[in-house]
C-alpha atoms as a PDB file:
ATOM      1  CA  UNK A   1       8.704   2.643  17.839  1.00  0.00           C
ATOM      2  CA  UNK A   2       7.974   3.743  14.738  1.00  0.00           C
ATOM      3  CA  UNK A   3      11.082   4.008  13.160  1.00  0.00           C
ATOM      4  CA  UNK A   4      11.903   0.074  14.074  1.00  0.00           C
ATOM      5  CA  UNK A   5       8.291  -0.447  12.372  1.00  0.00           C
ATOM      6  CA  UNK A   6       8.602   1.487   9.287  1.00  0.00           C
ATOM      7  CA  UNK A   7      12.187  -0.169   8.327  1.00  0.00           C
ATOM      8  CA  UNK A   8      11.883  -2.038   5.077  1.00  0.00           C
ATOM      9  CA  UNK A   9      12.662  -5.201   6.484  1.00  0.00           C
ATOM     10  CA  UNK A  10       9.702  -5.203   9.101  1.00  0.00           C
ATOM     11  CA  UNK A  11       7.349  -4.031   6.190  1.00  0.00           C
ATOM     12  CA  UNK A  12       8.825  -6.812   4.029  1.00  0.00           C
ATOM     13  CA  UNK A  13       8.282  -8.970   6.376  1.00  0.00           C
ATOM     14  CA  UNK A  14       4.544  -7.487   7.204  1.00  0.00           C
ATOM     15  CA  UNK A  15       3.313  -8.052   4.348  1.00  0.00           C
ATOM     16  CA  UNK A  16       4.774 -11.423   3.407  1.00  0.00           C
ATOM     17  CA  UNK A  17       2.788 -12.588   6.603  1.00  0.00           C
ATOM     18  CA  UNK A  18      -0.211 -11.187   5.371  1.00  0.00           C
ATOM     19  CA  UNK A  19       0.210 -12.531   2.111  1.00  0.00           C
ATOM     20  CA  UNK A  20      -0.464 -16.067   3.699  1.00  0.00           C
ATOM     21  CA  UNK A  21      -2.595 -14.603   5.550  1.00  0.00           C
ATOM     22  CA  UNK A  22      -4.899 -13.248   3.316  1.00  0.00           C
ATOM     23  CA  UNK A  23      -4.927 -16.513   1.372  1.00  0.00           C
ATOM     24  CA  UNK A  24      -5.772 -18.599   4.068  1.00  0.00           C
ATOM     25  CA  UNK A  25      -8.816 -16.288   4.914  1.00  0.00           C
ATOM     26  CA  UNK A  26     -10.048 -16.327   1.276  1.00  0.00           C
ATOM     27  CA  UNK A  27      -9.673 -20.303   1.724  1.00  0.00           C
ATOM     28  CA  UNK A  28     -11.263 -20.964   5.075  1.00  0.00           C
ATOM     29  CA  UNK A  29     -13.524 -17.829   5.541  1.00  0.00           C
ATOM     30  CA  UNK A  30     -16.155 -16.023   3.809  1.00  0.00           C
ATOM     31  CA  UNK A  31     -16.449 -12.709   5.610  1.00  0.00           C
ATOM     32  CA  UNK A  32     -12.865 -11.973   5.971  1.00  0.00           C
ATOM     33  CA  UNK A  33     -12.035 -13.691   2.643  1.00  0.00           C
ATOM     34  CA  UNK A  34     -14.416 -10.948   1.429  1.00  0.00           C
ATOM     35  CA  UNK A  35     -12.694  -8.329   3.308  1.00  0.00           C
ATOM     36  CA  UNK A  36      -9.106  -9.050   2.189  1.00  0.00           C
ATOM     37  CA  UNK A  37      -9.982  -9.205  -1.328  1.00  0.00           C
ATOM     38  CA  UNK A  38     -10.927  -6.110  -1.909  1.00  0.00           C
ATOM     39  CA  UNK A  39      -8.815  -3.844  -3.605  1.00  0.00           C
ATOM     40  CA  UNK A  40      -9.948  -0.372  -1.059  1.00  0.00           C
ATOM     41  CA  UNK A  41      -8.322  -2.476   1.964  1.00  0.00           C
ATOM     42  CA  UNK A  42      -4.870  -3.032  -0.037  1.00  0.00           C
ATOM     43  CA  UNK A  43      -4.814   1.014  -1.081  1.00  0.00           C
ATOM     44  CA  UNK A  44      -5.707   1.731   3.023  1.00  0.00           C
ATOM     45  CA  UNK A  45      -2.540  -0.314   3.532  1.00  0.00           C
ATOM     46  CA  UNK A  46      -0.534   1.266   1.634  1.00  0.00           C
ATOM     47  CA  UNK A  47      -1.259   4.857   2.342  1.00  0.00           C
ATOM     48  CA  UNK A  48      -0.810   4.234   6.228  1.00  0.00           C
ATOM     49  CA  UNK A  49       3.052   2.880   5.582  1.00  0.00           C
ATOM     50  CA  UNK A  50       2.886   5.959   2.962  1.00  0.00           C
ATOM     51  CA  UNK A  51       1.563   8.375   5.723  1.00  0.00           C
ATOM     52  CA  UNK A  52       3.812   7.106   8.166  1.00  0.00           C
ATOM     53  CA  UNK A  53       7.218   6.662   6.782  1.00  0.00           C
ATOM     54  CA  UNK A  54       9.637   9.037   7.785  1.00  0.00           C
ATOM     55  CA  UNK A  55      10.164  10.797   4.302  1.00  0.00           C
ATOM     56  CA  UNK A  56       8.949   9.559   0.545  1.00  0.00           C
ATOM     57  CA  UNK A  57      11.796   7.600  -0.421  1.00  0.00           C
ATOM     58  CA  UNK A  58      11.186   5.358   2.635  1.00  0.00           C
ATOM     59  CA  UNK A  59       7.245   5.249   1.913  1.00  0.00           C
ATOM     60  CA  UNK A  60       8.337   4.353  -1.741  1.00  0.00           C
ATOM     61  CA  UNK A  61      10.419   1.670  -0.643  1.00  0.00           C
ATOM     62  CA  UNK A  62       8.216   0.464   2.214  1.00  0.00           C
ATOM     63  CA  UNK A  63       5.468   0.168   0.365  1.00  0.00           C
ATOM     64  CA  UNK A  64       7.021  -1.537  -2.541  1.00  0.00           C
ATOM     65  CA  UNK A  65       8.455  -4.083  -0.506  1.00  0.00           C
ATOM     66  CA  UNK A  66       4.923  -4.567   1.339  1.00  0.00           C
ATOM     67  CA  UNK A  67       3.398  -5.189  -1.884  1.00  0.00           C
ATOM     68  CA  UNK A  68       5.819  -7.545  -3.786  1.00  0.00           C
ATOM     69  CA  UNK A  69       5.922  -9.302   0.012  1.00  0.00           C
ATOM     70  CA  UNK A  70       2.217  -9.969   0.371  1.00  0.00           C
ATOM     71  CA  UNK A  71       2.081 -11.486  -3.717  1.00  0.00           C
ATOM     72  CA  UNK A  72       5.087 -13.586  -3.530  1.00  0.00           C
ATOM     73  CA  UNK A  73       2.926 -15.081  -0.600  1.00  0.00           C
ATOM     74  CA  UNK A  74      -0.419 -15.038  -1.515  1.00  0.00           C
ATOM     75  CA  UNK A  75       0.327 -17.029  -5.008  1.00  0.00           C
ATOM     76  CA  UNK A  76       3.047 -19.214  -3.514  1.00  0.00           C
ATOM     77  CA  UNK A  77       0.200 -20.078  -0.718  1.00  0.00           C
ATOM     78  CA  UNK A  78      -2.863 -20.449  -3.338  1.00  0.00           C
ATOM     79  CA  UNK A  79      -0.067 -22.886  -5.034  1.00  0.00           C
ATOM     80  CA  UNK A  80       1.097 -25.256  -1.508  1.00  0.00           C
ATOM     81  CA  UNK A  81      -3.023 -25.541  -1.175  1.00  0.00           C
ATOM     82  CA  UNK A  82      -4.009 -25.901  -4.810  1.00  0.00           C
ATOM     83  CA  UNK A  83      -6.425 -23.425  -4.956  1.00  0.00           C
ATOM     84  CA  UNK A  84      -7.479 -21.485  -7.783  1.00  0.00           C
ATOM     85  CA  UNK A  85      -5.698 -18.233  -8.663  1.00  0.00           C
ATOM     86  CA  UNK A  86      -5.382 -17.108 -12.685  1.00  0.00           C
ATOM     87  CA  UNK A  87      -2.616 -15.566 -14.404  1.00  0.00           C
ATOM     88  CA  UNK A  88      -4.861 -12.434 -15.706  1.00  0.00           C
ATOM     89  CA  UNK A  89      -5.278 -11.526 -10.899  1.00  0.00           C
ATOM     90  CA  UNK A  90      -1.261 -12.588 -10.725  1.00  0.00           C
ATOM     91  CA  UNK A  91      -0.341  -9.669 -13.597  1.00  0.00           C
ATOM     92  CA  UNK A  92      -2.609  -7.219 -12.449  1.00  0.00           C
ATOM     93  CA  UNK A  93      -1.590  -7.237  -8.809  1.00  0.00           C
ATOM     94  CA  UNK A  94       2.356  -7.358 -10.066  1.00  0.00           C
ATOM     95  CA  UNK A  95       1.220  -4.528 -12.447  1.00  0.00           C
ATOM     96  CA  UNK A  96      -0.527  -2.558  -8.876  1.00  0.00           C
ATOM     97  CA  UNK A  97       2.869  -3.670  -7.170  1.00  0.00           C
ATOM     98  CA  UNK A  98       5.363  -1.653  -9.877  1.00  0.00           C
ATOM     99  CA  UNK A  99       3.440   1.739  -9.458  1.00  0.00           C
ATOM    100  CA  UNK A 100       2.550   1.600  -5.689  1.00  0.00           C
ATOM    101  CA  UNK A 101       5.895   3.631  -5.128  1.00  0.00           C
ATOM    102  CA  UNK A 102       4.683   6.141  -7.709  1.00  0.00           C
ATOM    103  CA  UNK A 103       1.414   6.105  -5.159  1.00  0.00           C
ATOM    104  CA  UNK A 104       3.520   6.184  -2.534  1.00  0.00           C
ATOM    105  CA  UNK A 105       5.374   9.594  -3.788  1.00  0.00           C
ATOM    106  CA  UNK A 106       2.115  11.486  -3.808  1.00  0.00           C
ATOM    107  CA  UNK A 107       0.678  10.846  -0.706  1.00  0.00           C
END
């Protein structure tokens, strides 16, 4: 079961789904929107993905795909819903996604 869940394709799809859900939480719920806007939540998800991946290489791939998937759909959803977002946030989260494999390697 673990191998099926921590497959890079499944992790990417989970990232895509959580990106949409996170943006919708931002729009429609104050409490959940605040929770999923915290940096610590995404570090927790990345850490869990890294810990439960089979090896360091797979952890690096899984964490990167999760972060990129989340970013793609979060900002796509923001664009579609005409939500407010800034380029500084996009650049910051993209930088985080790009260095996330390094963090996964050392986890």
